[in-house]
């Protein structure tokens, strides 16, 4: 599950490059579900997106990068 407030803080802390990368990966996942052969389902896409959101580094870790 996701803690939306925590995810919001992480997203705000992303730099422009990180945010664009995140959006591109999100768009690619959606395209795979939409145009694929059914091997990557919408449920799998949602699970993958939740993992991505949960794995965004904490704002303090981003400052150190």
N, C-alpha and C. Protein backbone atom coordinates (compact mmCIF):
# COMPACT_ATOMS: atom_id res chain seq x y z
N UNK A 1 0.84 -1.17 0.00
CA UNK A 1 0.00 0.00 0.00
C UNK A 1 0.89 1.24 0.00
N UNK A 2 0.29 2.36 -0.33
CA UNK A 2 1.06 3.60 -0.43
C UNK A 2 0.59 4.59 0.63
N UNK A 3 1.54 5.32 1.16
CA UNK A 3 1.25 6.45 2.04
C UNK A 3 1.33 7.69 1.15
N UNK A 4 0.17 8.20 0.74
CA UNK A 4 0.12 9.27 -0.25
C UNK A 4 0.87 10.53 0.18
N UNK A 5 0.79 10.88 1.46
CA UNK A 5 1.51 12.07 1.94
C UNK A 5 3.02 11.89 1.81
N UNK A 6 3.51 10.70 2.14
CA UNK A 6 4.95 10.41 2.05
C UNK A 6 5.39 10.41 0.58
N UNK A 7 4.57 9.80 -0.29
CA UNK A 7 4.89 9.77 -1.71
C UNK A 7 4.93 11.20 -2.26
N UNK A 8 3.98 12.03 -1.84
CA UNK A 8 3.94 13.43 -2.29
C UNK A 8 5.24 14.14 -1.94
N UNK A 9 5.73 13.96 -0.71
CA UNK A 9 6.98 14.59 -0.29
C UNK A 9 8.14 14.11 -1.15
N UNK A 10 8.17 12.81 -1.45
CA UNK A 10 9.24 12.26 -2.26
C UNK A 10 9.21 12.84 -3.68
N UNK A 11 8.00 12.95 -4.25
CA UNK A 11 7.87 13.49 -5.60
C UNK A 11 8.31 14.95 -5.65
N UNK A 12 7.91 15.72 -4.68
CA UNK A 12 8.29 17.14 -4.62
C UNK A 12 9.81 17.29 -4.56
N UNK A 13 10.47 16.35 -3.89
CA UNK A 13 11.93 16.43 -3.72
C UNK A 13 12.70 16.00 -4.97
N UNK A 14 12.04 15.35 -5.93
CA UNK A 14 12.75 14.94 -7.15
C UNK A 14 13.23 16.15 -7.93
N UNK A 15 14.40 16.00 -8.55
CA UNK A 15 14.83 17.06 -9.46
C UNK A 15 14.13 16.85 -10.80
N UNK A 16 14.31 17.77 -11.71
CA UNK A 16 13.60 17.70 -13.00
C UNK A 16 13.92 16.43 -13.76
N UNK A 17 15.17 16.04 -13.79
CA UNK A 17 15.58 14.84 -14.50
C UNK A 17 14.93 13.59 -13.89
N UNK A 18 14.95 13.51 -12.58
CA UNK A 18 14.34 12.37 -11.91
C UNK A 18 12.85 12.29 -12.15
N UNK A 19 12.19 13.44 -12.13
CA UNK A 19 10.75 13.48 -12.37
C UNK A 19 10.41 13.07 -13.80
N UNK A 20 11.20 13.55 -14.76
CA UNK A 20 10.97 13.19 -16.16
C UNK A 20 11.21 11.70 -16.38
N UNK A 21 12.23 11.16 -15.76
CA UNK A 21 12.50 9.72 -15.87
C UNK A 21 11.34 8.91 -15.31
N UNK A 22 10.86 9.32 -14.16
CA UNK A 22 9.75 8.64 -13.51
C UNK A 22 8.50 8.67 -14.41
N UNK A 23 8.22 9.82 -14.99
CA UNK A 23 7.07 9.93 -15.88
C UNK A 23 7.23 9.08 -17.13
N UNK A 24 8.43 9.02 -17.67
CA UNK A 24 8.67 8.21 -18.87
C UNK A 24 8.47 6.72 -18.57
N UNK A 25 8.95 6.27 -17.43
CA UNK A 25 8.77 4.86 -17.06
C UNK A 25 7.28 4.57 -16.85
N UNK A 26 6.57 5.50 -16.23
CA UNK A 26 5.13 5.35 -16.03
C UNK A 26 4.42 5.23 -17.38
N UNK A 27 4.75 6.13 -18.29
CA UNK A 27 4.13 6.10 -19.62
C UNK A 27 4.46 4.80 -20.35
N UNK A 28 5.68 4.32 -20.23
CA UNK A 28 6.07 3.07 -20.88
C UNK A 28 5.27 1.89 -20.32
N UNK A 29 5.10 1.85 -19.01
CA UNK A 29 4.30 0.77 -18.42
C UNK A 29 2.87 0.80 -18.94
N UNK A 30 2.29 1.98 -19.03
CA UNK A 30 0.92 2.10 -19.53
C UNK A 30 0.85 1.66 -20.98
N UNK A 31 1.81 2.05 -21.78
CA UNK A 31 1.83 1.66 -23.19
C UNK A 31 1.96 0.15 -23.35
N UNK A 32 2.77 -0.48 -22.51
CA UNK A 32 2.93 -1.93 -22.58
C UNK A 32 1.60 -2.63 -22.30
N UNK A 33 0.86 -2.14 -21.30
CA UNK A 33 -0.44 -2.73 -20.99
C UNK A 33 -1.41 -2.51 -22.15
N UNK A 34 -1.43 -1.30 -22.66
CA UNK A 34 -2.37 -0.94 -23.72
C UNK A 34 -2.09 -1.67 -25.03
N UNK A 35 -0.84 -1.75 -25.41
CA UNK A 35 -0.50 -2.30 -26.72
C UNK A 35 0.11 -3.68 -26.71
N UNK A 36 0.23 -4.26 -25.53
CA UNK A 36 0.90 -5.55 -25.43
C UNK A 36 0.00 -6.72 -25.78
N UNK A 37 0.54 -7.90 -25.58
CA UNK A 37 -0.17 -9.13 -25.92
C UNK A 37 -0.90 -9.74 -24.72
N UNK A 38 -1.05 -8.99 -23.64
CA UNK A 38 -1.73 -9.49 -22.46
C UNK A 38 -0.81 -10.09 -21.43
N UNK A 39 0.48 -10.15 -21.71
CA UNK A 39 1.43 -10.71 -20.77
C UNK A 39 1.70 -9.80 -19.58
N UNK A 40 1.51 -8.52 -19.79
CA UNK A 40 1.69 -7.53 -18.73
C UNK A 40 0.32 -6.90 -18.51
N UNK A 41 -0.37 -7.35 -17.49
CA UNK A 41 -1.75 -6.94 -17.25
C UNK A 41 -1.82 -5.60 -16.52
N UNK A 42 -3.02 -5.05 -16.47
CA UNK A 42 -3.19 -3.78 -15.75
C UNK A 42 -2.91 -3.97 -14.26
N UNK A 43 -3.26 -5.13 -13.70
CA UNK A 43 -2.93 -5.39 -12.29
C UNK A 43 -1.43 -5.43 -12.08
N UNK A 44 -0.70 -6.04 -13.01
CA UNK A 44 0.75 -6.07 -12.91
C UNK A 44 1.32 -4.66 -13.03
N UNK A 45 0.74 -3.85 -13.91
CA UNK A 45 1.19 -2.47 -14.10
C UNK A 45 1.00 -1.68 -12.81
N UNK A 46 -0.17 -1.81 -12.20
CA UNK A 46 -0.43 -1.10 -10.95
C UNK A 46 0.56 -1.53 -9.88
N UNK A 47 0.80 -2.83 -9.76
CA UNK A 47 1.77 -3.32 -8.78
C UNK A 47 3.16 -2.74 -9.03
N UNK A 48 3.55 -2.68 -10.29
CA UNK A 48 4.86 -2.13 -10.66
C UNK A 48 4.94 -0.64 -10.33
N UNK A 49 3.88 0.09 -10.62
CA UNK A 49 3.86 1.53 -10.33
C UNK A 49 3.91 1.78 -8.82
N UNK A 50 3.20 0.98 -8.05
CA UNK A 50 3.25 1.13 -6.59
C UNK A 50 4.66 0.88 -6.08
N UNK A 51 5.34 -0.15 -6.62
CA UNK A 51 6.73 -0.41 -6.23
C UNK A 51 7.61 0.79 -6.56
N UNK A 52 7.40 1.36 -7.76
CA UNK A 52 8.21 2.52 -8.16
C UNK A 52 7.99 3.68 -7.21
N UNK A 53 6.73 3.98 -6.89
CA UNK A 53 6.45 5.08 -5.97
C UNK A 53 7.08 4.84 -4.61
N UNK A 54 6.95 3.61 -4.11
CA UNK A 54 7.50 3.30 -2.79
C UNK A 54 9.03 3.31 -2.78
N UNK A 55 9.66 3.15 -3.95
CA UNK A 55 11.13 3.11 -4.02
C UNK A 55 11.77 4.45 -4.37
N UNK A 56 10.96 5.49 -4.52
CA UNK A 56 11.56 6.82 -4.71
C UNK A 56 12.36 7.13 -3.44
N UNK A 57 13.60 7.56 -3.59
CA UNK A 57 14.40 7.85 -2.39
C UNK A 57 13.75 8.91 -1.51
N UNK A 58 14.02 8.81 -0.23
CA UNK A 58 13.55 9.81 0.73
C UNK A 58 14.16 11.17 0.37
N UNK A 59 13.46 12.27 0.67
CA UNK A 59 13.99 13.60 0.34
C UNK A 59 15.40 13.85 0.87
N UNK A 60 15.72 13.37 2.06
CA UNK A 60 17.06 13.57 2.61
C UNK A 60 18.11 12.85 1.77
N UNK A 61 17.79 11.67 1.28
CA UNK A 61 18.72 10.91 0.45
C UNK A 61 18.93 11.61 -0.88
N UNK A 62 17.88 12.23 -1.41
CA UNK A 62 18.01 12.95 -2.68
C UNK A 62 18.92 14.16 -2.55
N UNK A 63 18.88 14.82 -1.41
CA UNK A 63 19.74 15.99 -1.19
C UNK A 63 21.21 15.61 -1.19
N UNK A 64 21.51 14.39 -0.75
CA UNK A 64 22.89 13.93 -0.67
C UNK A 64 23.44 13.52 -2.02
N UNK A 65 22.58 13.29 -3.01
CA UNK A 65 23.01 12.82 -4.33
C UNK A 65 23.60 13.95 -5.13
